[in-house]
Amino acid sequence: MTDIVAGAADYETVTPAAAGAAIAPVAAAERIETLDFIRGLAVMGILWANIVAFGQPASAYFKPASFLVPAGDPGGWLWIVQFVLIDGKMRGLFTLLFGAGMVLFMEKAWARGGTRWLQAWRLVILACFGLIHFYFIWFGDILFGYAAYGLLALLCMKWRPKTQLGIGIAGYLLGCLFYAGTVVPWLILTTPFGESTPELAEQRTALTQGIATELARDDIPSDAIASGDYAALTAHRLGEQGLEPFQNLLLFGFETLPLMLIGMALYRFGFFSGAFARATMIRWGAAAFVLGALAHLAIGLVMQADGFSFYGTFAAFIGMSALPRLVMTVGLAALLVAWAPSATGWLGERVRAAGRAAFTNYLGTSIVMMFVFHGWALGLFGQLNRPKLYIVMVLAWIAMLVWSKPWLARFNYGPLEWLWRCLTYRKVFPLRK
């Protein structure tokens, strides 16, 4: 490993003036509150993105026909709304914040004389949380990938912010080409051109068989969840799906690491600190959000005309929407940064509290959904259509907003935030205020 130990003197601070700022940065406490506000909305949005995969087979996330009950979504318009506004954007927003949070953590660590080894150890602990989450709670974990790519991003911490931003954007664009090159052949094979020659017809048959195999893989965990056979489910995750967290590193690498680098650079340029005029953030953020949304809408309408085929929708998520997703995610981040200081009412404060306890809310949601959907508890897996799943989602949002603020009024950290902190520093911190 290269020189991973760096003190505060190694960190190049970028002032608002150096970043081309329009106004002075806000105080550190206000900057953290802005990050907490965005993080709270993001963790709520991630539940929206995941709720179908919690309550229905995993393939239903892409293919509405995989619902075990009628989807309750005539024309697929709810699918399109979620695809345009939520899918990928909340994960992207959370990844930007993760990169920014790494810099924020190191600012505090360096001020106390710490080094990047502390951050590395913290990420190793997060990877352990992620593997526990995947194997024993829910297969849709993102923490392990964040930890793994966070270790790589940590090696880039000393780069100039312009370098971080440039490499991040270049890496993301390279990923767009990679993902498009992967999924475009699938789309070609699903058209009449896929039957124009014997060779293409053979590939099309293999693709169709691959769909059947992929859908069949859902049956074992779905049956185990529905029946309440937790032992069978865990055995399947540890066995058949044992390598999936590591395989997902390859699938999402061109997105996760670049977005972390972009988040680092934006933080250091003062993006989250008021270093750019609010009117500018709103103007450019709105333009990026609308352009990205229109591109997603066009893709969604194509998927609707295609009948939401499995590989078609998978290609839409992975390859076709990658570039507009970046534009829309950064635009959304700009709008939320501009909005956060004025969100001071009771709802805004509760969203901030949910963001301060985002780790607990993220993992806690997965645990709550086990009680909602697994057969050994309420047993609602496969029984709720999309609108009813959204009702469960809203109830979970209410729970996040209800518990987070009063808890943090009495305690210094969320429960899992406290545990992570204690493991990071290898000492017990006072939980109660």
Protein backbone atom coordinates (compact mmCIF):
# COMPACT_ATOMS: atom_id res chain seq x y z
CA MET A 1 0.00 0.00 0.00
CA THR A 2 1.24 3.47 -0.79
CA ASP A 3 1.80 6.09 1.88
CA ILE A 4 -1.60 6.04 3.53
CA VAL A 5 -0.53 7.95 6.64
CA ALA A 6 -1.09 11.69 6.31
CA GLY A 7 -1.30 14.38 8.93
CA ALA A 8 -3.24 17.59 8.82
CA ALA A 9 -0.35 19.33 7.12
CA ASP A 10 -0.74 17.03 4.13
CA TYR A 11 -4.31 18.15 3.50
CA GLU A 12 -4.71 20.96 1.00
CA THR A 13 -7.48 23.24 2.20
CA VAL A 14 -9.39 24.96 -0.59
CA THR A 15 -10.82 28.32 0.36
CA PRO A 16 -14.03 29.60 -1.24
CA ALA A 17 -12.02 32.18 -3.13
CA ALA A 18 -9.75 29.52 -4.60
CA ALA A 19 -12.81 27.55 -5.63
CA GLY A 20 -14.37 30.51 -7.41
CA ALA A 21 -16.88 31.03 -4.64
CA ALA A 22 -19.49 33.74 -4.72
CA ILE A 23 -20.04 34.09 -0.98
CA ALA A 24 -18.30 33.12 2.25
CA PRO A 25 -18.75 29.57 3.52
CA VAL A 26 -21.21 28.86 6.30
CA ALA A 27 -20.11 27.84 9.77
CA ALA A 28 -19.02 24.25 10.34
CA ALA A 29 -22.15 23.44 12.37
CA GLU A 30 -24.42 24.71 9.59
CA ARG A 31 -22.46 22.71 7.01
CA ILE A 32 -22.98 19.54 9.05
CA GLU A 33 -26.69 20.33 9.39
CA THR A 34 -26.92 20.66 5.61
CA LEU A 35 -25.28 17.27 5.15
CA ASP A 36 -27.58 15.75 7.78
CA PHE A 37 -30.66 17.18 6.04
CA ILE A 38 -29.68 15.74 2.65
CA ARG A 39 -28.67 12.45 4.23
CA GLY A 40 -32.04 12.18 5.96
CA LEU A 41 -33.92 12.66 2.69
CA ALA A 42 -31.57 10.22 0.95
CA VAL A 43 -32.07 7.42 3.47
CA MET A 44 -35.84 7.86 3.13
CA GLY A 45 -35.50 7.82 -0.65
CA ILE A 46 -33.43 4.64 -0.54
CA LEU A 47 -36.34 2.89 1.16
CA TRP A 48 -38.59 4.06 -1.69
CA ALA A 49 -36.13 2.57 -4.15
CA ASN A 50 -35.93 -0.74 -2.25
CA ILE A 51 -39.48 -1.30 -1.04
CA VAL A 52 -40.50 -3.48 -4.00
CA ALA A 53 -37.46 -5.73 -3.53
CA PHE A 54 -38.31 -6.03 0.17
CA GLY A 55 -41.88 -7.17 -0.40
CA GLN A 56 -41.68 -9.01 -3.72
CA PRO A 57 -39.13 -11.21 -5.55
CA ALA A 58 -35.93 -9.36 -6.43
CA SER A 59 -36.71 -9.44 -10.15
CA ALA A 60 -39.91 -7.43 -9.53
CA TYR A 61 -37.64 -4.42 -8.98
CA PHE A 62 -37.02 -4.48 -12.73
CA LYS A 63 -39.91 -6.48 -14.17
CA PRO A 64 -43.44 -5.69 -12.90
CA ALA A 65 -44.66 -9.05 -14.22
CA SER A 66 -42.58 -10.73 -11.49
CA PHE A 67 -45.00 -9.50 -8.81
CA LEU A 68 -46.65 -12.48 -7.11
CA VAL A 69 -49.92 -10.54 -7.11
CA PRO A 70 -51.25 -8.09 -9.70
CA ALA A 71 -48.87 -5.13 -9.52
CA GLY A 72 -51.69 -2.58 -9.11
CA ASP A 73 -49.94 -0.25 -11.53
CA PRO A 74 -51.97 0.03 -14.76
CA GLY A 75 -49.72 1.06 -17.61
CA GLY A 76 -46.66 0.95 -15.36
CA TRP A 77 -46.90 4.66 -14.54
CA LEU A 78 -45.85 4.18 -10.92
CA TRP A 79 -42.84 2.22 -12.19
CA ILE A 80 -41.98 5.16 -14.43
CA VAL A 81 -42.38 7.72 -11.62
CA GLN A 82 -40.06 5.76 -9.37
CA PHE A 83 -37.58 5.22 -12.22
CA VAL A 84 -37.51 8.93 -13.06
CA LEU A 85 -37.38 10.42 -9.56
CA ILE A 86 -35.83 7.81 -7.27
CA ASP A 87 -34.06 4.79 -8.72
CA GLY A 88 -30.30 5.30 -8.72
CA LYS A 89 -30.61 8.96 -7.73
CA MET A 90 -30.90 8.27 -4.00
CA ARG A 91 -28.00 5.83 -4.12
CA GLY A 92 -25.99 8.39 -6.08
CA LEU A 93 -26.86 11.14 -3.61
CA PHE A 94 -25.88 8.93 -0.70
CA THR A 95 -22.57 8.09 -2.41
CA LEU A 96 -21.74 11.76 -2.94
CA LEU A 97 -22.44 12.35 0.74
CA PHE A 98 -20.29 9.37 1.69
CA GLY A 99 -17.33 10.90 -0.14
CA ALA A 100 -17.97 14.28 1.47
CA GLY A 101 -18.33 12.60 4.85
CA MET A 102 -14.94 10.94 4.48
CA VAL A 103 -13.31 14.34 4.11
CA LEU A 104 -15.31 15.73 7.03
CA PHE A 105 -14.22 12.79 9.20
CA MET A 106 -10.57 13.28 8.27
CA GLU A 107 -10.77 17.02 8.97
CA LYS A 108 -11.73 16.18 12.54
CA ALA A 109 -9.23 13.32 12.82
CA TRP A 110 -6.34 15.41 11.50
CA ALA A 111 -7.25 18.23 13.88
CA ARG A 112 -6.76 15.73 16.74
CA GLY A 113 -3.47 14.45 15.31
CA GLY A 114 -4.97 11.30 13.76
CA THR A 115 -4.10 9.68 10.44
CA ARG A 116 -5.90 7.97 7.60
CA TRP A 117 -5.32 4.63 9.30
CA LEU A 118 -8.21 5.54 11.58
CA GLN A 119 -10.48 6.04 8.57
CA ALA A 120 -9.26 2.77 7.05
CA TRP A 121 -10.09 0.88 10.25
CA ARG A 122 -13.50 2.58 10.34
CA LEU A 123 -14.19 1.36 6.80
CA VAL A 124 -13.14 -2.20 7.66
CA ILE A 125 -15.73 -2.16 10.45
CA LEU A 126 -18.33 -0.84 7.99
CA ALA A 127 -17.50 -3.71 5.63
CA CYS A 128 -18.25 -6.16 8.45
CA PHE A 129 -21.59 -4.47 9.09
CA GLY A 130 -22.31 -4.73 5.36
CA LEU A 131 -21.58 -8.46 5.19
CA ILE A 132 -23.75 -9.11 8.24
CA HIS A 133 -26.50 -7.06 6.58
CA PHE A 134 -26.24 -9.03 3.32
CA TYR A 135 -26.03 -12.56 4.69
CA PHE A 136 -28.37 -12.32 7.66
CA ILE A 137 -30.81 -9.45 7.02
CA TRP A 138 -31.26 -8.36 3.39
CA PHE A 139 -29.48 -9.06 0.11
CA GLY A 140 -29.61 -5.45 -1.14
CA ASP A 141 -26.74 -4.17 1.01
CA ILE A 142 -24.67 -1.18 -0.16
CA LEU A 143 -22.43 -0.80 2.91
CA PHE A 144 -19.87 -3.41 1.89
CA GLY A 145 -19.35 -1.74 -1.48
CA TYR A 146 -19.04 1.66 0.18
CA ALA A 147 -16.41 0.32 2.55
CA ALA A 148 -14.41 -1.40 -0.18
CA TYR A 149 -14.37 1.57 -2.53
CA GLY A 150 -13.97 3.94 0.38
CA LEU A 151 -10.59 2.31 1.05
CA LEU A 152 -9.58 3.11 -2.54
CA ALA A 153 -10.95 6.64 -2.28
CA LEU A 154 -8.92 7.08 0.89
CA LEU A 155 -5.75 6.74 -1.19
CA CYS A 156 -6.96 9.73 -3.24
CA MET A 157 -7.55 11.95 -0.21
CA LYS A 158 -4.35 13.98 -0.79
CA TRP A 159 -5.16 14.74 -4.41
CA ARG A 160 -6.02 18.28 -5.35
CA PRO A 161 -9.81 18.77 -5.49
CA LYS A 162 -9.65 19.53 -9.23
CA THR A 163 -7.90 16.20 -9.73
CA GLN A 164 -10.48 14.38 -7.63
CA LEU A 165 -13.28 15.99 -9.62
CA GLY A 166 -11.66 15.35 -13.01
CA ILE A 167 -10.78 11.73 -12.28
CA GLY A 168 -14.21 11.15 -10.76
CA ILE A 169 -16.04 12.49 -13.82
CA ALA A 170 -13.71 10.67 -16.22
CA GLY A 171 -14.16 7.42 -14.32
CA TYR A 172 -17.91 7.80 -14.31
CA LEU A 173 -18.00 8.50 -18.06
CA LEU A 174 -15.81 5.45 -18.66
CA GLY A 175 -18.33 3.49 -16.64
CA CYS A 176 -21.15 4.81 -18.83
CA LEU A 177 -19.37 3.39 -21.88
CA PHE A 178 -18.72 0.10 -20.11
CA TYR A 179 -22.31 -0.31 -18.96
CA ALA A 180 -23.71 0.69 -22.35
CA GLY A 181 -21.37 -1.74 -24.10
CA THR A 182 -22.59 -4.48 -21.80
CA VAL A 183 -26.33 -3.98 -22.21
CA VAL A 184 -26.68 -2.80 -25.83
CA PRO A 185 -26.13 -6.33 -27.23
CA TRP A 186 -29.02 -7.52 -25.07
CA LEU A 187 -31.31 -4.89 -26.53
CA ILE A 188 -30.25 -5.75 -30.08
CA LEU A 189 -30.96 -9.43 -29.51
CA THR A 190 -34.48 -8.69 -28.23
CA THR A 191 -35.39 -6.91 -31.50
CA PRO A 192 -36.34 -8.70 -34.75
CA PHE A 193 -32.71 -8.29 -35.77
CA GLY A 194 -31.91 -10.91 -33.15
CA GLU A 195 -33.52 -13.53 -35.39
CA SER A 196 -31.94 -12.43 -38.65
CA THR A 197 -29.18 -15.05 -38.63
CA PRO A 198 -28.81 -18.51 -37.03
CA GLU A 199 -25.96 -17.25 -34.87
CA LEU A 200 -27.99 -14.33 -33.53
CA ALA A 201 -31.00 -16.58 -33.02
CA GLU A 202 -28.82 -18.92 -30.98
CA GLN A 203 -27.63 -16.01 -28.84
CA ARG A 204 -31.20 -14.83 -28.43
CA THR A 205 -32.21 -18.30 -27.22
CA ALA A 206 -29.34 -18.26 -24.74
CA LEU A 207 -30.46 -14.84 -23.53
CA THR A 208 -34.01 -16.10 -23.03
CA GLN A 209 -32.74 -19.09 -21.11
CA GLY A 210 -30.62 -16.73 -19.03
CA ILE A 211 -33.74 -14.80 -18.09
CA ALA A 212 -35.43 -18.01 -16.98
CA THR A 213 -32.38 -19.00 -14.94
CA GLU A 214 -32.18 -15.57 -13.33
CA LEU A 215 -35.85 -15.62 -12.40
CA ALA A 216 -35.52 -19.15 -11.03
CA ARG A 217 -32.78 -17.93 -8.70
CA ASP A 218 -35.40 -15.77 -7.03
CA ASP A 219 -37.56 -18.76 -6.17
CA ILE A 220 -35.42 -20.20 -3.37
CA PRO A 221 -35.00 -17.03 -1.27
CA SER A 222 -38.54 -15.91 -2.08
CA ASP A 223 -39.99 -19.23 -0.93
CA ALA A 224 -37.85 -19.16 2.21
CA ILE A 225 -38.97 -15.63 3.08
CA ALA A 226 -42.64 -16.40 2.42
CA SER A 227 -42.56 -19.62 4.47
CA GLY A 228 -40.53 -18.10 7.27
CA ASP A 229 -37.67 -20.59 6.87
CA TYR A 230 -34.90 -18.27 8.03
CA ALA A 231 -32.35 -21.10 8.24
CA ALA A 232 -32.87 -22.00 4.57
CA LEU A 233 -32.66 -18.35 3.57
CA THR A 234 -29.40 -17.83 5.44
CA ALA A 235 -27.94 -21.04 4.03
CA HIS A 236 -28.80 -19.87 0.52
CA ARG A 237 -27.20 -16.46 1.12
CA LEU A 238 -24.04 -18.00 2.53
CA GLY A 239 -23.92 -20.67 -0.16
CA GLU A 240 -25.42 -19.84 -3.55
CA GLN A 241 -25.15 -16.07 -3.01
CA GLY A 242 -21.95 -16.17 -0.99
CA LEU A 243 -19.83 -14.32 -3.54
CA GLU A 244 -22.50 -11.80 -4.52
CA PRO A 245 -21.21 -8.91 -2.35
CA PHE A 246 -17.83 -9.23 -4.05
CA GLN A 247 -19.36 -9.62 -7.53
CA ASN A 248 -21.38 -6.47 -6.94
CA LEU A 249 -18.11 -4.61 -6.53
CA LEU A 250 -17.49 -5.20 -10.23
CA LEU A 251 -21.04 -4.24 -11.19
CA PHE A 252 -21.11 -0.91 -9.34
CA GLY A 253 -17.43 0.01 -9.28
CA PHE A 254 -17.62 2.47 -12.17
CA GLU A 255 -20.34 4.35 -10.29
CA THR A 256 -19.41 4.15 -6.62
CA LEU A 257 -15.74 5.15 -6.63
CA PRO A 258 -16.16 8.03 -9.12
CA LEU A 259 -19.11 9.44 -7.17
CA MET A 260 -17.11 9.28 -3.94
CA LEU A 261 -14.30 11.25 -5.58
CA ILE A 262 -16.80 13.79 -6.92
CA GLY A 263 -18.35 14.09 -3.46
CA MET A 264 -14.90 14.69 -1.94
CA ALA A 265 -14.13 17.40 -4.48
CA LEU A 266 -17.51 19.11 -4.11
CA TYR A 267 -17.10 19.22 -0.35
CA ARG A 268 -13.64 20.77 -0.63
CA PHE A 269 -14.84 23.29 -3.21
CA GLY A 270 -17.45 24.45 -0.70
CA PHE A 271 -20.44 23.00 -2.57
CA PHE A 272 -22.04 21.95 0.74
CA SER A 273 -20.82 25.05 2.59
CA GLY A 274 -22.46 27.99 0.87
CA ALA A 275 -19.42 28.77 -1.26
CA PHE A 276 -21.64 29.31 -4.30
CA ALA A 277 -24.50 31.77 -4.52
CA ARG A 278 -27.87 30.26 -3.69
CA ALA A 279 -29.42 31.61 -6.90
CA THR A 280 -26.68 29.93 -8.91
CA MET A 281 -27.22 26.61 -7.13
CA ILE A 282 -30.95 26.78 -7.76
CA ARG A 283 -30.61 27.79 -11.42
CA TRP A 284 -28.04 25.20 -12.41
CA GLY A 285 -29.45 22.55 -10.08
CA ALA A 286 -32.94 22.92 -11.53
CA ALA A 287 -31.61 22.80 -15.10
CA ALA A 288 -29.62 19.62 -14.41
CA PHE A 289 -32.51 18.00 -12.53
CA VAL A 290 -35.03 18.71 -15.30
CA LEU A 291 -32.72 17.58 -18.11
CA GLY A 292 -31.90 14.37 -16.27
CA ALA A 293 -35.56 13.76 -15.47
CA LEU A 294 -36.62 14.24 -19.09
CA ALA A 295 -34.00 11.76 -20.24
CA HIS A 296 -35.20 9.24 -17.66
CA LEU A 297 -38.81 9.82 -18.73
CA ALA A 298 -37.92 9.09 -22.34
CA ILE A 299 -36.22 5.85 -21.31
CA GLY A 300 -39.18 4.93 -19.10
CA LEU A 301 -41.64 5.46 -21.95
CA VAL A 302 -39.52 3.20 -24.18
CA MET A 303 -39.63 0.53 -21.48
CA GLN A 304 -43.39 0.96 -21.24
CA ALA A 305 -43.75 0.44 -25.00
CA ASP A 306 -41.49 -2.61 -24.69
CA GLY A 307 -43.76 -4.12 -22.04
CA PHE A 308 -41.16 -3.79 -19.24
CA SER A 309 -39.18 -6.82 -20.33
CA PHE A 310 -36.62 -8.12 -17.85
CA TYR A 311 -33.44 -7.41 -19.80
CA GLY A 312 -34.91 -4.24 -21.27
CA THR A 313 -35.57 -2.73 -17.85
CA PHE A 314 -32.28 -4.07 -16.50
CA ALA A 315 -30.52 -2.34 -19.39
CA ALA A 316 -32.46 0.84 -18.62
CA PHE A 317 -31.24 0.83 -15.04
CA ILE A 318 -27.63 -0.15 -15.69
CA GLY A 319 -26.69 1.22 -19.08
CA MET A 320 -29.19 3.61 -20.60
CA SER A 321 -29.73 5.90 -17.60
CA ALA A 322 -26.17 6.11 -16.24
CA LEU A 323 -25.23 9.47 -17.74
CA PRO A 324 -28.52 11.33 -17.10
CA ARG A 325 -28.47 9.85 -13.60
CA LEU A 326 -25.21 11.67 -12.82
CA VAL A 327 -26.59 14.95 -14.16
CA MET A 328 -29.82 14.56 -12.21
CA THR A 329 -28.08 13.49 -8.98
CA VAL A 330 -25.74 16.49 -8.91
CA GLY A 331 -28.64 18.79 -9.79
CA LEU A 332 -30.71 17.33 -6.97
CA ALA A 333 -27.81 17.76 -4.56
CA ALA A 334 -27.50 21.44 -5.54
CA LEU A 335 -31.22 22.04 -5.00
CA LEU A 336 -31.14 20.36 -1.58
CA VAL A 337 -28.08 22.35 -0.52
CA ALA A 338 -29.93 25.53 -1.47
CA TRP A 339 -33.09 24.41 0.32
CA ALA A 340 -31.52 23.02 3.51
CA PRO A 341 -30.85 26.31 5.38
CA SER A 342 -34.50 27.36 5.07
CA ALA A 343 -35.87 23.96 6.15
CA THR A 344 -36.03 24.95 9.81
CA GLY A 345 -39.58 23.89 10.69
CA TRP A 346 -40.58 20.82 12.66
CA LEU A 347 -40.38 18.59 9.60
CA GLY A 348 -36.97 19.87 8.55
CA GLU A 349 -35.60 19.27 12.05
CA ARG A 350 -36.91 15.73 12.06
CA VAL A 351 -35.40 15.05 8.64
CA ARG A 352 -32.05 16.30 9.98
CA ALA A 353 -32.37 13.99 12.95
CA ALA A 354 -33.11 11.06 10.62
CA GLY A 355 -29.94 12.01 8.74
CA ARG A 356 -27.85 12.12 11.92
CA ALA A 357 -29.05 8.57 12.60
CA ALA A 358 -28.91 7.50 8.94
CA PHE A 359 -26.81 4.38 9.66
CA THR A 360 -29.34 3.17 12.22
CA ASN A 361 -32.27 4.11 9.99
CA TYR A 362 -30.77 2.30 6.98
CA LEU A 363 -30.03 -0.98 8.76
CA GLY A 364 -33.00 -0.60 11.07
CA THR A 365 -35.34 -0.35 8.09
CA SER A 366 -34.06 -3.68 6.76
CA ILE A 367 -34.71 -5.29 10.15
CA VAL A 368 -38.21 -3.80 10.39
CA MET A 369 -39.00 -5.06 6.88
CA MET A 370 -38.05 -8.58 7.99
CA PHE A 371 -40.82 -8.35 10.60
CA VAL A 372 -43.25 -7.02 8.01
CA PHE A 373 -42.61 -9.49 5.21
CA HIS A 374 -41.03 -12.71 6.53
CA GLY A 375 -43.28 -15.67 7.15
CA TRP A 376 -42.15 -16.04 10.79
CA ALA A 377 -43.57 -12.54 11.47
CA LEU A 378 -46.41 -10.72 9.65
CA GLY A 379 -45.79 -12.78 6.51
CA LEU A 380 -46.77 -10.15 3.94
CA PHE A 381 -44.11 -11.12 1.39
CA GLY A 382 -45.59 -11.38 -2.09
CA GLN A 383 -49.03 -10.25 -0.91
CA LEU A 384 -48.87 -6.48 -1.42
CA ASN A 385 -49.03 -4.70 -4.77
CA ARG A 386 -47.00 -1.59 -5.51
CA PRO A 387 -49.44 0.99 -4.02
CA LYS A 388 -49.74 -1.06 -0.82
CA LEU A 389 -45.97 -1.38 -0.62
CA TYR A 390 -45.80 2.39 -0.84
CA ILE A 391 -48.12 2.58 2.18
CA VAL A 392 -45.64 0.43 4.13
CA MET A 393 -42.88 2.77 2.94
CA VAL A 394 -44.71 5.87 4.18
CA LEU A 395 -45.34 4.24 7.57
CA ALA A 396 -41.62 3.48 7.81
CA TRP A 397 -40.83 7.10 6.93
CA ILE A 398 -43.12 8.24 9.73
CA ALA A 399 -41.33 5.88 12.13
CA MET A 400 -37.94 7.33 11.12
CA LEU A 401 -39.15 10.87 11.68
CA VAL A 402 -40.89 10.02 14.95
CA TRP A 403 -38.07 8.20 16.76
CA SER A 404 -34.92 9.97 15.54
CA LYS A 405 -35.41 13.45 17.01
CA PRO A 406 -36.49 12.48 20.56
CA TRP A 407 -33.76 9.84 20.69
CA LEU A 408 -31.06 12.36 19.74
CA ALA A 409 -32.48 14.83 22.23
CA ARG A 410 -31.56 12.35 24.98
CA PHE A 411 -28.57 10.56 23.49
CA ASN A 412 -25.39 11.68 21.77
CA TYR A 413 -25.63 9.27 18.84
CA GLY A 414 -27.98 6.89 17.10
CA PRO A 415 -27.60 3.31 18.41
CA LEU A 416 -25.56 1.99 15.49
CA GLU A 417 -23.68 5.27 15.09
CA TRP A 418 -22.60 4.89 18.72
CA LEU A 419 -21.54 1.25 18.21
CA TRP A 420 -19.60 2.15 15.04
CA ARG A 421 -17.86 5.00 16.86
CA CYS A 422 -16.91 2.80 19.81
CA LEU A 423 -15.50 0.11 17.52
CA THR A 424 -13.63 2.71 15.47
CA TYR A 425 -11.86 4.28 18.44
CA ARG A 426 -11.83 1.05 20.50
CA LYS A 427 -13.25 2.77 23.53
CA VAL A 428 -16.72 3.20 25.01
CA PHE A 429 -18.18 6.66 24.51
CA PRO A 430 -21.02 7.95 26.69
CA LEU A 431 -24.29 7.37 24.89
CA ARG A 432 -26.67 9.29 27.12
CA LYS A 433 -26.32 13.05 27.22
